[in-house]
Amino acid sequence: MSLFNSILEKLGIRGAAAAKKPDEGQPQTQPPAASAPTEGVSVVDVVTKLEGLAASHPEKLNWKTSIVDLLKLLGLDSSLDARKDLAAELGCPTQMMADSSQMNIWLHKTVLQKLAQNGGNIPPELLS
């Protein structure tokens, strides 16, 4: 499983919609493949989930600005190698990958944007 998919899973973004459909108890009028990608997808309040995790975490983590802290908060590998793998997975420009600081800034912004694209409710101030 890719690191980004692990992030989605930890936040319940992909699993939330898939888990709800069979339990709803209502007959489906269309096969799942015929549904539009956003149809039936639950929006996950990412900020509330992360703030809840941060409140119970032993370290004070600034997930709103740090990709390292975001990964730590989710219990995922935050090492430089893991971040480089995630950056490559998400298409980080090569010149940014040579500078870990630039890569981290790009990676944090991109992860939040991708979370929003996949059903995560991210406030606009965290996306800019």
N, C-alpha and C. Protein backbone atom coordinates (compact mmCIF):
# COMPACT_ATOMS: atom_id res chain seq x y z
N MET A 1 0.85 -1.17 0.00
CA MET A 1 0.00 0.00 0.00
C MET A 1 0.89 1.24 0.00
N SER A 2 0.51 2.21 -0.80
CA SER A 2 1.29 3.45 -0.88
C SER A 2 1.14 4.25 0.42
N LEU A 3 2.10 5.11 0.68
CA LEU A 3 2.05 5.93 1.89
C LEU A 3 0.84 6.86 1.86
N PHE A 4 0.53 7.43 0.70
CA PHE A 4 -0.64 8.31 0.64
C PHE A 4 -1.93 7.53 0.93
N ASN A 5 -2.03 6.32 0.42
CA ASN A 5 -3.21 5.49 0.73
C ASN A 5 -3.28 5.19 2.22
N SER A 6 -2.12 5.03 2.86
CA SER A 6 -2.09 4.82 4.31
C SER A 6 -2.62 6.05 5.04
N ILE A 7 -2.27 7.25 4.54
CA ILE A 7 -2.78 8.49 5.12
C ILE A 7 -4.30 8.53 5.00
N LEU A 8 -4.81 8.24 3.80
CA LEU A 8 -6.26 8.23 3.59
C LEU A 8 -6.94 7.24 4.52
N GLU A 9 -6.36 6.07 4.65
CA GLU A 9 -6.93 5.03 5.51
C GLU A 9 -6.96 5.46 6.97
N LYS A 10 -5.85 6.03 7.44
CA LYS A 10 -5.77 6.47 8.84
C LYS A 10 -6.81 7.54 9.16
N LEU A 11 -7.13 8.37 8.15
CA LEU A 11 -8.12 9.42 8.35
C LEU A 11 -9.54 8.95 8.07
N GLY A 12 -9.67 7.72 7.58
CA GLY A 12 -10.99 7.17 7.29
C GLY A 12 -11.62 7.77 6.05
N ILE A 13 -10.81 8.29 5.15
CA ILE A 13 -11.36 8.96 3.98
C ILE A 13 -11.87 7.96 2.94
N ARG A 14 -11.08 7.01 2.56
CA ARG A 14 -11.53 6.03 1.56
C ARG A 14 -12.43 4.98 2.18
N GLY A 15 -12.12 4.56 3.38
CA GLY A 15 -12.88 3.50 4.02
C GLY A 15 -14.26 3.95 4.47
N ALA A 16 -14.45 5.24 4.73
CA ALA A 16 -15.72 5.72 5.25
C ALA A 16 -16.87 5.47 4.28
N ALA A 17 -16.70 5.83 3.03
CA ALA A 17 -17.76 5.65 2.04
C ALA A 17 -17.97 4.18 1.73
N ALA A 18 -16.90 3.43 1.61
CA ALA A 18 -17.00 2.01 1.28
C ALA A 18 -17.66 1.24 2.41
N ALA A 19 -17.36 1.61 3.64
CA ALA A 19 -17.93 0.89 4.77
C ALA A 19 -19.40 1.22 4.97
N LYS A 20 -19.83 2.41 4.61
CA LYS A 20 -21.21 2.82 4.82
C LYS A 20 -22.18 2.13 3.86
N LYS A 21 -21.80 1.96 2.61
CA LYS A 21 -22.73 1.47 1.60
C LYS A 21 -23.38 0.13 1.96
N PRO A 22 -22.63 -0.90 2.34
CA PRO A 22 -23.30 -2.16 2.64
C PRO A 22 -24.18 -2.08 3.88
N ASP A 23 -23.86 -1.22 4.85
CA ASP A 23 -24.59 -1.14 6.09
C ASP A 23 -25.85 -0.28 6.01
N GLU A 24 -26.03 0.45 4.94
CA GLU A 24 -27.17 1.35 4.85
C GLU A 24 -28.49 0.60 4.78
N GLY A 25 -28.47 -0.62 4.29
CA GLY A 25 -29.67 -1.42 4.24
C GLY A 25 -30.64 -1.02 3.15
N GLN A 26 -30.26 -0.16 2.27
CA GLN A 26 -31.11 0.26 1.17
C GLN A 26 -30.62 -0.39 -0.11
N PRO A 27 -31.54 -0.84 -0.95
CA PRO A 27 -31.09 -1.46 -2.20
C PRO A 27 -30.42 -0.44 -3.10
N GLN A 28 -29.38 -0.90 -3.78
CA GLN A 28 -28.69 -0.02 -4.72
C GLN A 28 -29.44 -0.05 -6.05
N THR A 29 -29.61 1.13 -6.62
CA THR A 29 -30.30 1.20 -7.90
C THR A 29 -29.34 1.06 -9.06
N GLN A 30 -28.06 1.27 -8.80
CA GLN A 30 -27.03 1.14 -9.83
C GLN A 30 -25.90 0.30 -9.28
N PRO A 31 -25.21 -0.42 -10.14
CA PRO A 31 -24.01 -1.09 -9.65
C PRO A 31 -22.97 -0.06 -9.28
N PRO A 32 -22.10 -0.34 -8.31
CA PRO A 32 -21.12 0.65 -7.86
C PRO A 32 -20.27 1.24 -8.97
N ALA A 33 -19.92 0.47 -9.97
CA ALA A 33 -19.07 0.97 -11.05
C ALA A 33 -19.76 2.06 -11.85
N ALA A 34 -21.08 2.08 -11.86
CA ALA A 34 -21.81 3.07 -12.64
C ALA A 34 -22.00 4.38 -11.89
N SER A 35 -21.69 4.38 -10.60
CA SER A 35 -21.87 5.59 -9.80
C SER A 35 -20.81 6.61 -10.15
N ALA A 36 -21.17 7.88 -10.01
CA ALA A 36 -20.20 8.95 -10.19
C ALA A 36 -19.20 8.88 -9.06
N PRO A 37 -17.93 9.30 -9.28
CA PRO A 37 -16.90 9.18 -8.25
C PRO A 37 -17.24 9.87 -6.94
N THR A 38 -17.96 10.99 -6.99
CA THR A 38 -18.25 11.71 -5.75
C THR A 38 -19.59 11.29 -5.15
N GLU A 39 -20.37 10.51 -5.86
CA GLU A 39 -21.68 10.11 -5.36
C GLU A 39 -21.54 9.17 -4.18
N GLY A 40 -22.23 9.48 -3.10
CA GLY A 40 -22.21 8.61 -1.93
C GLY A 40 -20.94 8.71 -1.10
N VAL A 41 -20.03 9.59 -1.44
CA VAL A 41 -18.79 9.71 -0.69
C VAL A 41 -19.03 10.61 0.51
N SER A 42 -18.68 10.12 1.68
CA SER A 42 -18.80 10.91 2.89
C SER A 42 -17.64 11.88 2.97
N VAL A 43 -17.93 13.10 3.38
CA VAL A 43 -16.88 14.08 3.60
C VAL A 43 -16.34 13.86 5.00
N VAL A 44 -15.04 13.78 5.12
CA VAL A 44 -14.40 13.55 6.41
C VAL A 44 -13.82 14.87 6.91
N ASP A 45 -14.15 15.24 8.13
CA ASP A 45 -13.62 16.47 8.74
C ASP A 45 -12.21 16.19 9.24
N VAL A 46 -11.25 16.42 8.37
CA VAL A 46 -9.86 16.10 8.64
C VAL A 46 -9.32 16.91 9.83
N VAL A 47 -9.65 18.18 9.89
CA VAL A 47 -9.15 19.04 10.97
C VAL A 47 -9.61 18.52 12.32
N THR A 48 -10.89 18.18 12.44
CA THR A 48 -11.40 17.66 13.71
C THR A 48 -10.71 16.36 14.09
N LYS A 49 -10.53 15.48 13.12
CA LYS A 49 -9.85 14.21 13.40
C LYS A 49 -8.42 14.44 13.86
N LEU A 50 -7.69 15.30 13.14
CA LEU A 50 -6.29 15.55 13.50
C LEU A 50 -6.16 16.29 14.82
N GLU A 51 -7.05 17.23 15.09
CA GLU A 51 -6.99 17.94 16.37
C GLU A 51 -7.29 16.99 17.52
N GLY A 52 -8.20 16.05 17.30
CA GLY A 52 -8.48 15.04 18.32
C GLY A 52 -7.27 14.16 18.60
N LEU A 53 -6.61 13.74 17.52
CA LEU A 53 -5.39 12.94 17.68
C LEU A 53 -4.30 13.74 18.38
N ALA A 54 -4.16 15.02 18.01
CA ALA A 54 -3.12 15.87 18.59
C ALA A 54 -3.36 16.08 20.09
N ALA A 55 -4.62 16.21 20.48
CA ALA A 55 -4.94 16.44 21.89
C ALA A 55 -4.53 15.27 22.77
N SER A 56 -4.56 14.07 22.21
CA SER A 56 -4.21 12.89 23.01
C SER A 56 -2.79 12.39 22.74
N HIS A 57 -2.05 13.08 21.89
CA HIS A 57 -0.68 12.67 21.56
C HIS A 57 0.29 13.18 22.61
N PRO A 58 1.27 12.37 23.01
CA PRO A 58 2.20 12.82 24.05
C PRO A 58 3.11 13.97 23.62
N GLU A 59 3.38 14.09 22.34
CA GLU A 59 4.20 15.21 21.83
C GLU A 59 3.30 16.34 21.36
N LYS A 60 3.81 17.56 21.42
CA LYS A 60 3.09 18.69 20.83
C LYS A 60 3.49 18.74 19.36
N LEU A 61 2.55 18.39 18.47
CA LEU A 61 2.84 18.31 17.04
C LEU A 61 2.10 19.39 16.28
N ASN A 62 2.79 20.05 15.37
CA ASN A 62 2.19 21.10 14.56
C ASN A 62 1.88 20.56 13.17
N TRP A 63 0.82 19.77 13.09
CA TRP A 63 0.45 19.12 11.83
C TRP A 63 -0.02 20.10 10.78
N LYS A 64 -0.42 21.31 11.17
CA LYS A 64 -0.93 22.29 10.21
C LYS A 64 0.17 22.86 9.32
N THR A 65 1.42 22.76 9.74
CA THR A 65 2.52 23.30 8.93
C THR A 65 3.64 22.29 8.66
N SER A 66 3.64 21.17 9.35
CA SER A 66 4.75 20.24 9.24
C SER A 66 4.30 18.87 8.74
N ILE A 67 4.88 18.43 7.63
CA ILE A 67 4.57 17.09 7.11
C ILE A 67 5.10 16.02 8.06
N VAL A 68 6.24 16.28 8.70
CA VAL A 68 6.79 15.32 9.66
C VAL A 68 5.81 15.12 10.80
N ASP A 69 5.31 16.23 11.36
CA ASP A 69 4.36 16.14 12.47
C ASP A 69 3.04 15.50 12.03
N LEU A 70 2.59 15.79 10.83
CA LEU A 70 1.36 15.18 10.32
C LEU A 70 1.51 13.66 10.24
N LEU A 71 2.63 13.20 9.69
CA LEU A 71 2.86 11.76 9.58
C LEU A 71 3.00 11.12 10.96
N LYS A 72 3.72 11.78 11.88
CA LYS A 72 3.86 11.26 13.24
C LYS A 72 2.50 11.13 13.92
N LEU A 73 1.67 12.14 13.76
CA LEU A 73 0.35 12.15 14.38
C LEU A 73 -0.49 10.98 13.90
N LEU A 74 -0.31 10.59 12.64
CA LEU A 74 -1.06 9.47 12.08
C LEU A 74 -0.40 8.12 12.36
N GLY A 75 0.75 8.16 13.04
CA GLY A 75 1.45 6.92 13.36
C GLY A 75 2.14 6.30 12.16
N LEU A 76 2.53 7.14 11.20
CA LEU A 76 3.20 6.68 9.99
C LEU A 76 4.67 7.06 10.01
N ASP A 77 5.45 6.40 9.19
CA ASP A 77 6.89 6.65 9.08
C ASP A 77 7.11 8.08 8.58
N SER A 78 7.82 8.88 9.37
CA SER A 78 8.09 10.27 8.98
C SER A 78 9.56 10.49 8.62
N SER A 79 10.29 9.40 8.43
CA SER A 79 11.72 9.52 8.10
C SER A 79 11.91 10.21 6.75
N LEU A 80 13.10 10.70 6.51
CA LEU A 80 13.40 11.37 5.25
C LEU A 80 13.15 10.43 4.07
N ASP A 81 13.55 9.17 4.20
CA ASP A 81 13.33 8.21 3.11
C ASP A 81 11.83 8.04 2.82
N ALA A 82 11.02 7.95 3.87
CA ALA A 82 9.57 7.79 3.69
C ALA A 82 8.98 9.04 3.03
N ARG A 83 9.46 10.22 3.45
CA ARG A 83 8.96 11.46 2.86
C ARG A 83 9.39 11.58 1.40
N LYS A 84 10.60 11.13 1.09
CA LYS A 84 11.03 11.14 -0.31
C LYS A 84 10.17 10.20 -1.15
N ASP A 85 9.86 9.04 -0.60
CA ASP A 85 8.98 8.10 -1.31
C ASP A 85 7.60 8.72 -1.54
N LEU A 86 7.05 9.37 -0.51
CA LEU A 86 5.75 10.02 -0.64
C LEU A 86 5.81 11.15 -1.65
N ALA A 87 6.87 11.94 -1.62
CA ALA A 87 7.03 13.03 -2.58
C ALA A 87 7.09 12.50 -4.01
N ALA A 88 7.83 11.42 -4.21
CA ALA A 88 7.91 10.82 -5.54
C ALA A 88 6.55 10.28 -5.97
N GLU A 89 5.84 9.65 -5.04
CA GLU A 89 4.50 9.12 -5.31
C GLU A 89 3.54 10.21 -5.75
N LEU A 90 3.66 11.39 -5.15
CA LEU A 90 2.74 12.49 -5.44
C LEU A 90 3.24 13.42 -6.55
N GLY A 91 4.41 13.12 -7.12
CA GLY A 91 4.90 13.88 -8.27
C GLY A 91 5.67 15.15 -7.94
N CYS A 92 6.41 15.15 -6.86
CA CYS A 92 7.20 16.31 -6.49
C CYS A 92 8.24 16.61 -7.57
N PRO A 93 8.38 17.88 -7.96
CA PRO A 93 9.42 18.24 -8.94
C PRO A 93 10.80 17.84 -8.44
N THR A 94 11.61 17.32 -9.34
CA THR A 94 12.94 16.80 -9.01
C THR A 94 13.80 17.82 -8.28
N GLN A 95 13.78 19.08 -8.73
CA GLN A 95 14.62 20.09 -8.09
C GLN A 95 14.24 20.32 -6.63
N MET A 96 12.99 20.13 -6.27
CA MET A 96 12.57 20.29 -4.88
C MET A 96 13.00 19.10 -4.03
N MET A 97 13.09 17.94 -4.63
CA MET A 97 13.46 16.75 -3.87
C MET A 97 14.93 16.79 -3.43
N ALA A 98 15.73 17.62 -4.09
CA ALA A 98 17.13 17.75 -3.72
C ALA A 98 17.31 18.59 -2.45
N ASP A 99 16.30 19.37 -2.09
CA ASP A 99 16.34 20.22 -0.89
C ASP A 99 15.21 19.77 0.04
N SER A 100 15.56 19.12 1.15
CA SER A 100 14.52 18.54 2.01
C SER A 100 13.54 19.58 2.54
N SER A 101 14.00 20.79 2.80
CA SER A 101 13.10 21.84 3.28
C SER A 101 12.05 22.18 2.23
N GLN A 102 12.48 22.41 1.00
CA GLN A 102 11.52 22.71 -0.09
C GLN A 102 10.59 21.53 -0.32
N MET A 103 11.15 20.33 -0.30
CA MET A 103 10.34 19.14 -0.51
C MET A 103 9.27 19.02 0.58
N ASN A 104 9.65 19.26 1.84
CA ASN A 104 8.70 19.16 2.95
C ASN A 104 7.56 20.16 2.81
N ILE A 105 7.88 21.39 2.42
CA ILE A 105 6.85 22.41 2.23
C ILE A 105 5.91 22.00 1.11
N TRP A 106 6.48 21.58 -0.02
CA TRP A 106 5.66 21.13 -1.16
C TRP A 106 4.82 19.93 -0.75
N LEU A 107 5.41 18.99 -0.03
CA LEU A 107 4.74 17.76 0.34
C LEU A 107 3.57 18.03 1.28
N HIS A 108 3.76 18.89 2.26
CA HIS A 108 2.67 19.20 3.19
C HIS A 108 1.49 19.81 2.45
N LYS A 109 1.76 20.79 1.62
CA LYS A 109 0.71 21.45 0.85
C LYS A 109 0.00 20.46 -0.08
N THR A 110 0.76 19.63 -0.75
CA THR A 110 0.20 18.68 -1.70
C THR A 110 -0.63 17.61 -0.99
N VAL A 111 -0.16 17.12 0.14
CA VAL A 111 -0.93 16.11 0.88
C VAL A 111 -2.28 16.69 1.30
N LEU A 112 -2.30 17.91 1.81
CA LEU A 112 -3.57 18.53 2.20
C LEU A 112 -4.49 18.71 1.00
N GLN A 113 -3.92 19.14 -0.13
CA GLN A 113 -4.73 19.31 -1.34
C GLN A 113 -5.30 17.97 -1.80
N LYS A 114 -4.48 16.92 -1.77
CA LYS A 114 -4.94 15.60 -2.20
C LYS A 114 -5.98 15.04 -1.23
N LEU A 115 -5.85 15.33 0.05
CA LEU A 115 -6.86 14.92 1.00
C LEU A 115 -8.20 15.56 0.65
N ALA A 116 -8.15 16.85 0.33
CA ALA A 116 -9.37 17.57 -0.06
C ALA A 116 -9.97 16.97 -1.33
N GLN A 117 -9.14 16.60 -2.28
CA GLN A 117 -9.63 16.02 -3.54
C GLN A 117 -10.25 14.64 -3.34
N ASN A 118 -9.89 13.98 -2.25
CA ASN A 118 -10.37 12.63 -1.99
C ASN A 118 -11.47 12.56 -0.94
N GLY A 119 -12.05 13.70 -0.61
CA GLY A 119 -13.18 13.70 0.32
C GLY A 119 -12.88 14.24 1.70
N GLY A 120 -11.68 14.78 1.89
CA GLY A 120 -11.36 15.40 3.17
C GLY A 120 -11.79 16.85 3.17
N ASN A 121 -12.40 17.29 4.25
CA ASN A 121 -12.82 18.68 4.40
C ASN A 121 -11.66 19.46 4.98
N ILE A 122 -10.97 20.20 4.12
CA ILE A 122 -9.81 20.99 4.53
C ILE A 122 -10.14 22.46 4.33
N PRO A 123 -9.98 23.29 5.38
CA PRO A 123 -10.28 24.72 5.23
C PRO A 123 -9.33 25.38 4.23
N PRO A 124 -9.82 26.38 3.49
CA PRO A 124 -9.02 27.05 2.46
C PRO A 124 -7.69 27.61 2.96
N GLU A 125 -7.65 28.08 4.22
CA GLU A 125 -6.40 28.66 4.73
C GLU A 125 -5.29 27.62 4.87
N LEU A 126 -5.63 26.34 4.95
CA LEU A 126 -4.61 25.30 5.01
C LEU A 126 -4.19 24.82 3.62
N LEU A 127 -4.94 25.22 2.62
CA LEU A 127 -4.63 24.79 1.25
C LEU A 127 -3.78 25.78 0.49
N SER A 128 -3.60 26.98 1.03
CA SER A 128 -2.83 27.98 0.29
C SER A 128 -1.40 28.06 0.73
